[in-house]
All heavy atoms as atom14 arrays in JSON, in Angstrom:
{
  "sequence": "AVVGLTAPAASARVEPDPMAAGQRVNVSDGRRCATDRGA",
  "atom14_mask": [
    [1, 1, 1, 1, 1, 0, 0, 0, 0, 0, 0, 0, 0, 0],
    [1, 1, 1, 1, 1, 1, 1, 0, 0, 0, 0, 0, 0, 0],
    [1, 1, 1, 1, 1, 1, 1, 0, 0, 0, 0, 0, 0, 0],
    [1, 1, 1, 1, 0, 0, 0, 0, 0, 0, 0, 0, 0, 0],
    [1, 1, 1, 1, 1, 1, 1, 1, 0, 0, 0, 0, 0, 0],
    [1, 1, 1, 1, 1, 1, 1, 0, 0, 0, 0, 0, 0, 0],
    [1, 1, 1, 1, 1, 0, 0, 0, 0, 0, 0, 0, 0, 0],
    [1, 1, 1, 1, 1, 1, 1, 0, 0, 0, 0, 0, 0, 0],
    [1, 1, 1, 1, 1, 0, 0, 0, 0, 0, 0, 0, 0, 0],
    [1, 1, 1, 1, 1, 0, 0, 0, 0, 0, 0, 0, 0, 0],
    [1, 1, 1, 1, 1, 1, 0, 0, 0, 0, 0, 0, 0, 0],
    [1, 1, 1, 1, 1, 0, 0, 0, 0, 0, 0, 0, 0, 0],
    [1, 1, 1, 1, 1, 1, 1, 1, 1, 1, 1, 0, 0, 0],
    [1, 1, 1, 1, 1, 1, 1, 0, 0, 0, 0, 0, 0, 0],
    [1, 1, 1, 1, 1, 1, 1, 1, 1, 0, 0, 0, 0, 0],
    [1, 1, 1, 1, 1, 1, 1, 0, 0, 0, 0, 0, 0, 0],
    [1, 1, 1, 1, 1, 1, 1, 1, 0, 0, 0, 0, 0, 0],
    [1, 1, 1, 1, 1, 1, 1, 0, 0, 0, 0, 0, 0, 0],
    [1, 1, 1, 1, 1, 1, 1, 1, 0, 0, 0, 0, 0, 0],
    [1, 1, 1, 1, 1, 0, 0, 0, 0, 0, 0, 0, 0, 0],
    [1, 1, 1, 1, 1, 0, 0, 0, 0, 0, 0, 0, 0, 0],
    [1, 1, 1, 1, 0, 0, 0, 0, 0, 0, 0, 0, 0, 0],
    [1, 1, 1, 1, 1, 1, 1, 1, 1, 0, 0, 0, 0, 0],
    [1, 1, 1, 1, 1, 1, 1, 1, 1, 1, 1, 0, 0, 0],
    [1, 1, 1, 1, 1, 1, 1, 0, 0, 0, 0, 0, 0, 0],
    [1, 1, 1, 1, 1, 1, 1, 1, 0, 0, 0, 0, 0, 0],
    [1, 1, 1, 1, 1, 1, 1, 0, 0, 0, 0, 0, 0, 0],
    [1, 1, 1, 1, 1, 1, 0, 0, 0, 0, 0, 0, 0, 0],
    [1, 1, 1, 1, 1, 1, 1, 1, 0, 0, 0, 0, 0, 0],
    [1, 1, 1, 1, 0, 0, 0, 0, 0, 0, 0, 0, 0, 0],
    [1, 1, 1, 1, 1, 1, 1, 1, 1, 1, 1, 0, 0, 0],
    [1, 1, 1, 1, 1, 1, 1, 1, 1, 1, 1, 0, 0, 0],
    [1, 1, 1, 1, 1, 1, 0, 0, 0, 0, 0, 0, 0, 0],
    [1, 1, 1, 1, 1, 0, 0, 0, 0, 0, 0, 0, 0, 0],
    [1, 1, 1, 1, 1, 1, 1, 0, 0, 0, 0, 0, 0, 0],
    [1, 1, 1, 1, 1, 1, 1, 1, 0, 0, 0, 0, 0, 0],
    [1, 1, 1, 1, 1, 1, 1, 1, 1, 1, 1, 0, 0, 0],
    [1, 1, 1, 1, 0, 0, 0, 0, 0, 0, 0, 0, 0, 0],
    [1, 1, 1, 1, 1, 0, 0, 0, 0, 0, 0, 0, 0, 0]
  ],
  "atom14_positions": [
    [[-15.61, 34.41, -17.26], [-15.24, 33.03, -17.55], [-14.05, 32.96, -18.49], [-13.14, 32.15, -18.31], [-16.44, 32.28, -18.14], [0.0, 0.0, 0.0], [0.0, 0.0, 0.0], [0.0, 0.0, 0.0], [0.0, 0.0, 0.0], [0.0, 0.0, 0.0], [0.0, 0.0, 0.0], [0.0, 0.0, 0.0], [0.0, 0.0, 0.0], [0.0, 0.0, 0.0]],
    [[-14.04, 33.81, -19.51], [-12.92, 33.83, -20.45], [-11.63, 34.22, -19.74], [-10.59, 33.61, -19.92], [-13.21, 34.78, -21.64], [-11.96, 35.02, -22.47], [-14.32, 34.19, -22.5], [0.0, 0.0, 0.0], [0.0, 0.0, 0.0], [0.0, 0.0, 0.0], [0.0, 0.0, 0.0], [0.0, 0.0, 0.0], [0.0, 0.0, 0.0], [0.0, 0.0, 0.0]],
    [[-11.7, 35.25, -18.9], [-10.52, 35.66, -18.14], [-10.06, 34.53, -17.24], [-8.87, 34.24, -17.12], [-10.81, 36.94, -17.33], [-9.7, 37.22, -16.33], [-10.99, 38.12, -18.26], [0.0, 0.0, 0.0], [0.0, 0.0, 0.0], [0.0, 0.0, 0.0], [0.0, 0.0, 0.0], [0.0, 0.0, 0.0], [0.0, 0.0, 0.0], [0.0, 0.0, 0.0]],
    [[-10.98, 33.84, -16.59], [-10.63, 32.72, -15.72], [-9.98, 31.59, -16.48], [-9.05, 30.94, -15.99], [0.0, 0.0, 0.0], [0.0, 0.0, 0.0], [0.0, 0.0, 0.0], [0.0, 0.0, 0.0], [0.0, 0.0, 0.0], [0.0, 0.0, 0.0], [0.0, 0.0, 0.0], [0.0, 0.0, 0.0], [0.0, 0.0, 0.0], [0.0, 0.0, 0.0]],
    [[-10.43, 31.33, -17.71], [-9.86, 30.23, -18.5], [-8.48, 30.59, -19.05], [-7.64, 29.71, -19.23], [-10.8, 29.87, -19.65], [-12.11, 29.23, -19.25], [-13.0, 29.05, -20.48], [-11.88, 27.89, -18.58], [0.0, 0.0, 0.0], [0.0, 0.0, 0.0], [0.0, 0.0, 0.0], [0.0, 0.0, 0.0], [0.0, 0.0, 0.0], [0.0, 0.0, 0.0]],
    [[-8.25, 31.85, -19.32], [-6.96, 32.23, -19.9], [-5.94, 32.62, -18.85], [-4.78, 32.79, -19.16], [-7.13, 33.43, -20.86], [-7.67, 34.53, -20.14], [-8.02, 33.06, -22.03], [0.0, 0.0, 0.0], [0.0, 0.0, 0.0], [0.0, 0.0, 0.0], [0.0, 0.0, 0.0], [0.0, 0.0, 0.0], [0.0, 0.0, 0.0], [0.0, 0.0, 0.0]],
    [[-6.34, 32.75, -17.59], [-5.39, 33.1, -16.55], [-4.44, 31.93, -16.32], [-4.85, 30.77, -16.4], [-6.13, 33.42, -15.25], [0.0, 0.0, 0.0], [0.0, 0.0, 0.0], [0.0, 0.0, 0.0], [0.0, 0.0, 0.0], [0.0, 0.0, 0.0], [0.0, 0.0, 0.0], [0.0, 0.0, 0.0], [0.0, 0.0, 0.0], [0.0, 0.0, 0.0]],
    [[-3.17, 32.2, -16.05], [-2.24, 31.12, -15.82], [-2.57, 30.36, -14.55], [-3.1, 30.93, -13.6], [-0.88, 31.84, -15.69], [-1.22, 33.23, -15.32], [-2.56, 33.51, -15.92], [0.0, 0.0, 0.0], [0.0, 0.0, 0.0], [0.0, 0.0, 0.0], [0.0, 0.0, 0.0], [0.0, 0.0, 0.0], [0.0, 0.0, 0.0], [0.0, 0.0, 0.0]],
    [[-2.26, 29.09, -14.55], [-2.48, 28.28, -13.37], [-1.54, 28.73, -12.27], [-0.54, 29.4, -12.53], [-2.24, 26.81, -13.7], [0.0, 0.0, 0.0], [0.0, 0.0, 0.0], [0.0, 0.0, 0.0], [0.0, 0.0, 0.0], [0.0, 0.0, 0.0], [0.0, 0.0, 0.0], [0.0, 0.0, 0.0], [0.0, 0.0, 0.0], [0.0, 0.0, 0.0]],
    [[-1.87, 28.36, -11.04], [-1.02, 28.74, -9.93], [0.4, 28.23, -10.15], [0.61, 27.16, -10.69], [-1.59, 28.14, -8.64], [0.0, 0.0, 0.0], [0.0, 0.0, 0.0], [0.0, 0.0, 0.0], [0.0, 0.0, 0.0], [0.0, 0.0, 0.0], [0.0, 0.0, 0.0], [0.0, 0.0, 0.0], [0.0, 0.0, 0.0], [0.0, 0.0, 0.0]],
    [[1.36, 29.04, -9.77], [2.75, 28.65, -9.97], [3.43, 28.53, -8.61], [2.77, 28.33, -7.61], [3.45, 29.68, -10.86], [3.36, 30.95, -10.27], [0.0, 0.0, 0.0], [0.0, 0.0, 0.0], [0.0, 0.0, 0.0], [0.0, 0.0, 0.0], [0.0, 0.0, 0.0], [0.0, 0.0, 0.0], [0.0, 0.0, 0.0], [0.0, 0.0, 0.0]],
    [[4.73, 28.69, -8.61], [5.48, 28.59, -7.36], [4.94, 29.6, -6.35], [4.52, 30.68, -6.72], [6.95, 28.86, -7.63], [0.0, 0.0, 0.0], [0.0, 0.0, 0.0], [0.0, 0.0, 0.0], [0.0, 0.0, 0.0], [0.0, 0.0, 0.0], [0.0, 0.0, 0.0], [0.0, 0.0, 0.0], [0.0, 0.0, 0.0], [0.0, 0.0, 0.0]],
    [[4.96, 29.22, -5.1], [4.54, 30.13, -4.04], [5.7, 30.29, -3.08], [6.26, 29.31, -2.6], [3.33, 29.57, -3.31], [2.11, 29.54, -4.18], [0.91, 29.11, -3.39], [-0.23, 29.02, -4.3], [-1.32, 28.36, -4.05], [-1.45, 27.71, -2.93], [-2.3, 28.34, -4.93], [0.0, 0.0, 0.0], [0.0, 0.0, 0.0], [0.0, 0.0, 0.0]],
    [[6.04, 31.52, -2.81], [7.09, 31.82, -1.84], [6.47, 32.77, -0.83], [5.97, 33.83, -1.19], [8.32, 32.46, -2.51], [9.41, 32.71, -1.48], [8.84, 31.57, -3.63], [0.0, 0.0, 0.0], [0.0, 0.0, 0.0], [0.0, 0.0, 0.0], [0.0, 0.0, 0.0], [0.0, 0.0, 0.0], [0.0, 0.0, 0.0], [0.0, 0.0, 0.0]],
    [[6.47, 32.37, 0.43], [5.85, 33.18, 1.47], [6.84, 33.41, 2.59], [7.5, 32.46, 3.0], [4.61, 32.48, 2.01], [3.53, 32.33, 0.98], [2.38, 31.47, 1.46], [2.54, 30.72, 2.44], [1.32, 31.55, 0.85], [0.0, 0.0, 0.0], [0.0, 0.0, 0.0], [0.0, 0.0, 0.0], [0.0, 0.0, 0.0], [0.0, 0.0, 0.0]],
    [[6.99, 34.6, 3.11], [6.27, 35.8, 2.7], [6.88, 36.42, 1.45], [8.04, 36.17, 1.12], [6.46, 36.73, 3.89], [7.77, 36.34, 4.48], [7.87, 34.85, 4.25], [0.0, 0.0, 0.0], [0.0, 0.0, 0.0], [0.0, 0.0, 0.0], [0.0, 0.0, 0.0], [0.0, 0.0, 0.0], [0.0, 0.0, 0.0], [0.0, 0.0, 0.0]],
    [[6.11, 37.21, 0.77], [6.59, 37.97, -0.39], [5.93, 39.33, -0.31], [4.7, 39.4, -0.36], [6.21, 37.27, -1.69], [6.76, 37.96, -2.92], [7.67, 38.8, -2.78], [6.29, 37.65, -4.03], [0.0, 0.0, 0.0], [0.0, 0.0, 0.0], [0.0, 0.0, 0.0], [0.0, 0.0, 0.0], [0.0, 0.0, 0.0], [0.0, 0.0, 0.0]],
    [[6.63, 40.41, -0.12], [8.08, 40.55, -0.2], [8.78, 40.01, 1.04], [8.17, 39.79, 2.07], [8.29, 42.06, -0.32], [7.11, 42.66, 0.33], [5.97, 41.7, 0.08], [0.0, 0.0, 0.0], [0.0, 0.0, 0.0], [0.0, 0.0, 0.0], [0.0, 0.0, 0.0], [0.0, 0.0, 0.0], [0.0, 0.0, 0.0], [0.0, 0.0, 0.0]],
    [[10.08, 39.83, 0.9], [10.91, 39.26, 1.96], [12.14, 40.11, 2.15], [12.41, 41.01, 1.36], [11.3, 37.83, 1.59], [12.16, 37.76, 0.34], [12.16, 36.17, -0.49], [10.49, 36.05, -1.07], [0.0, 0.0, 0.0], [0.0, 0.0, 0.0], [0.0, 0.0, 0.0], [0.0, 0.0, 0.0], [0.0, 0.0, 0.0], [0.0, 0.0, 0.0]],
    [[12.92, 39.8, 3.19], [14.17, 40.52, 3.46], [15.33, 39.55, 3.37], [15.16, 38.33, 3.53], [14.13, 41.14, 4.85], [0.0, 0.0, 0.0], [0.0, 0.0, 0.0], [0.0, 0.0, 0.0], [0.0, 0.0, 0.0], [0.0, 0.0, 0.0], [0.0, 0.0, 0.0], [0.0, 0.0, 0.0], [0.0, 0.0, 0.0], [0.0, 0.0, 0.0]],
    [[16.52, 40.08, 3.1], [17.72, 39.26, 3.09], [17.89, 38.61, 4.45], [17.65, 39.22, 5.48], [18.93, 40.11, 2.75], [0.0, 0.0, 0.0], [0.0, 0.0, 0.0], [0.0, 0.0, 0.0], [0.0, 0.0, 0.0], [0.0, 0.0, 0.0], [0.0, 0.0, 0.0], [0.0, 0.0, 0.0], [0.0, 0.0, 0.0], [0.0, 0.0, 0.0]],
    [[18.23, 37.32, 4.47], [18.41, 36.59, 5.71], [17.14, 36.02, 6.31], [17.18, 35.34, 7.33], [0.0, 0.0, 0.0], [0.0, 0.0, 0.0], [0.0, 0.0, 0.0], [0.0, 0.0, 0.0], [0.0, 0.0, 0.0], [0.0, 0.0, 0.0], [0.0, 0.0, 0.0], [0.0, 0.0, 0.0], [0.0, 0.0, 0.0], [0.0, 0.0, 0.0]],
    [[16.0, 36.25, 5.69], [14.71, 35.81, 6.23], [14.41, 34.37, 5.84], [14.76, 33.89, 4.77], [13.61, 36.72, 5.72], [12.25, 36.43, 6.31], [11.23, 37.48, 5.93], [11.49, 38.4, 5.17], [10.03, 37.35, 6.47], [0.0, 0.0, 0.0], [0.0, 0.0, 0.0], [0.0, 0.0, 0.0], [0.0, 0.0, 0.0], [0.0, 0.0, 0.0]],
    [[13.74, 33.65, 6.72], [13.3, 32.28, 6.46], [12.01, 32.36, 5.64], [11.11, 33.13, 5.96], [13.03, 31.58, 7.79], [12.87, 30.12, 7.67], [14.16, 29.44, 8.1], [13.94, 28.01, 8.16], [14.67, 27.15, 7.48], [15.67, 27.57, 6.76], [14.43, 25.88, 7.55], [0.0, 0.0, 0.0], [0.0, 0.0, 0.0], [0.0, 0.0, 0.0]],
    [[11.92, 31.58, 4.54], [10.76, 31.57, 3.68], [10.3, 30.15, 3.41], [11.06, 29.2, 3.58], [11.04, 32.29, 2.33], [11.31, 33.76, 2.54], [12.18, 31.63, 1.58], [0.0, 0.0, 0.0], [0.0, 0.0, 0.0], [0.0, 0.0, 0.0], [0.0, 0.0, 0.0], [0.0, 0.0, 0.0], [0.0, 0.0, 0.0], [0.0, 0.0, 0.0]],
    [[9.04, 30.02, 2.99], [8.5, 28.73, 2.58], [8.27, 28.76, 1.08], [7.63, 29.68, 0.57], [7.19, 28.43, 3.31], [6.61, 27.1, 2.9], [5.89, 27.0, 1.91], [6.95, 26.07, 3.63], [0.0, 0.0, 0.0], [0.0, 0.0, 0.0], [0.0, 0.0, 0.0], [0.0, 0.0, 0.0], [0.0, 0.0, 0.0], [0.0, 0.0, 0.0]],
    [[8.79, 27.75, 0.39], [8.63, 27.63, -1.06], [7.75, 26.42, -1.32], [8.0, 25.34, -0.77], [10.0, 27.42, -1.75], [9.82, 27.33, -3.25], [10.97, 28.52, -1.39], [0.0, 0.0, 0.0], [0.0, 0.0, 0.0], [0.0, 0.0, 0.0], [0.0, 0.0, 0.0], [0.0, 0.0, 0.0], [0.0, 0.0, 0.0], [0.0, 0.0, 0.0]],
    [[6.71, 26.59, -2.14], [5.84, 25.45, -2.47], [5.48, 25.48, -3.94], [5.62, 26.49, -4.62], [4.58, 25.45, -1.61], [3.75, 26.53, -1.93], [0.0, 0.0, 0.0], [0.0, 0.0, 0.0], [0.0, 0.0, 0.0], [0.0, 0.0, 0.0], [0.0, 0.0, 0.0], [0.0, 0.0, 0.0], [0.0, 0.0, 0.0], [0.0, 0.0, 0.0]],
    [[5.0, 24.34, -4.43], [4.68, 24.19, -5.85], [3.24, 24.55, -6.17], [2.84, 24.45, -7.32], [4.97, 22.76, -6.3], [4.0, 21.76, -5.69], [3.32, 22.08, -4.7], [3.94, 20.63, -6.21], [0.0, 0.0, 0.0], [0.0, 0.0, 0.0], [0.0, 0.0, 0.0], [0.0, 0.0, 0.0], [0.0, 0.0, 0.0], [0.0, 0.0, 0.0]],
    [[2.44, 24.95, -5.2], [1.04, 25.28, -5.46], [0.24, 24.07, -5.93], [-0.7, 24.2, -6.7], [0.0, 0.0, 0.0], [0.0, 0.0, 0.0], [0.0, 0.0, 0.0], [0.0, 0.0, 0.0], [0.0, 0.0, 0.0], [0.0, 0.0, 0.0], [0.0, 0.0, 0.0], [0.0, 0.0, 0.0], [0.0, 0.0, 0.0], [0.0, 0.0, 0.0]],
    [[0.65, 22.88, -5.5], [-0.01, 21.61, -5.85], [0.05, 21.28, -7.34], [-0.86, 20.69, -7.89], [-1.46, 21.6, -5.37], [-1.6, 21.66, -3.88], [-3.06, 21.45, -3.49], [-3.2, 21.38, -2.07], [-3.1, 20.27, -1.35], [-2.84, 19.14, -1.93], [-3.26, 20.31, -0.05], [0.0, 0.0, 0.0], [0.0, 0.0, 0.0], [0.0, 0.0, 0.0]],
    [[1.12, 21.68, -8.0], [1.25, 21.4, -9.43], [2.09, 20.17, -9.73], [2.01, 19.62, -10.82], [1.83, 22.6, -10.14], [0.82, 23.75, -10.16], [1.21, 24.87, -11.02], [1.45, 24.49, -12.4], [1.88, 25.34, -13.31], [2.08, 26.6, -12.98], [2.09, 24.97, -14.54], [0.0, 0.0, 0.0], [0.0, 0.0, 0.0], [0.0, 0.0, 0.0]],
    [[2.95, 19.74, -8.82], [3.82, 18.59, -9.06], [3.24, 17.34, -8.41], [2.63, 17.41, -7.35], [5.21, 18.84, -8.48], [6.08, 20.25, -9.19], [0.0, 0.0, 0.0], [0.0, 0.0, 0.0], [0.0, 0.0, 0.0], [0.0, 0.0, 0.0], [0.0, 0.0, 0.0], [0.0, 0.0, 0.0], [0.0, 0.0, 0.0], [0.0, 0.0, 0.0]],
    [[3.45, 16.21, -9.04], [3.03, 14.94, -8.45], [3.97, 14.6, -7.3], [5.19, 14.63, -7.46], [3.07, 13.83, -9.5], [0.0, 0.0, 0.0], [0.0, 0.0, 0.0], [0.0, 0.0, 0.0], [0.0, 0.0, 0.0], [0.0, 0.0, 0.0], [0.0, 0.0, 0.0], [0.0, 0.0, 0.0], [0.0, 0.0, 0.0], [0.0, 0.0, 0.0]],
    [[3.4, 14.3, -6.13], [4.23, 14.07, -4.96], [5.11, 12.83, -5.09], [6.17, 12.76, -4.48], [3.37, 13.94, -3.69], [2.41, 12.91, -3.88], [2.67, 15.25, -3.37], [0.0, 0.0, 0.0], [0.0, 0.0, 0.0], [0.0, 0.0, 0.0], [0.0, 0.0, 0.0], [0.0, 0.0, 0.0], [0.0, 0.0, 0.0], [0.0, 0.0, 0.0]],
    [[4.72, 11.88, -5.91], [5.52, 10.66, -6.06], [6.72, 10.84, -7.0], [7.61, 10.01, -7.04], [4.65, 9.5, -6.53], [4.0, 9.76, -7.88], [3.88, 10.94, -8.28], [3.6, 8.78, -8.54], [0.0, 0.0, 0.0], [0.0, 0.0, 0.0], [0.0, 0.0, 0.0], [0.0, 0.0, 0.0], [0.0, 0.0, 0.0], [0.0, 0.0, 0.0]],
    [[6.77, 11.95, -7.75], [7.88, 12.18, -8.68], [8.91, 13.16, -8.13], [9.98, 13.3, -8.69], [7.34, 12.69, -10.01], [6.44, 11.62, -10.66], [6.15, 11.88, -12.08], [7.4, 11.91, -12.85], [7.52, 12.53, -14.01], [6.48, 13.15, -14.51], [8.64, 12.53, -14.65], [0.0, 0.0, 0.0], [0.0, 0.0, 0.0], [0.0, 0.0, 0.0]],
    [[8.56, 13.89, -7.07], [9.49, 14.83, -6.46], [9.54, 16.16, -7.18], [9.01, 16.32, -8.27], [0.0, 0.0, 0.0], [0.0, 0.0, 0.0], [0.0, 0.0, 0.0], [0.0, 0.0, 0.0], [0.0, 0.0, 0.0], [0.0, 0.0, 0.0], [0.0, 0.0, 0.0], [0.0, 0.0, 0.0], [0.0, 0.0, 0.0], [0.0, 0.0, 0.0]],
    [[10.19, 17.13, -6.54], [10.32, 18.46, -7.13], [11.48, 19.19, -6.45], [11.83, 18.89, -5.31], [9.03, 19.25, -6.96], [0.0, 0.0, 0.0], [0.0, 0.0, 0.0], [0.0, 0.0, 0.0], [0.0, 0.0, 0.0], [0.0, 0.0, 0.0], [0.0, 0.0, 0.0], [0.0, 0.0, 0.0], [0.0, 0.0, 0.0], [0.0, 0.0, 0.0]]
  ]
}
């Protein structure tokens, strides 16, 4: 429980990771930003 509470919240997600130069990737906020304020 202590480890779970001190672990950082989900951050940016880039998939796939690892990636190659020239590859198409998806970047997301991991549901941390309010959709009405933009990111």
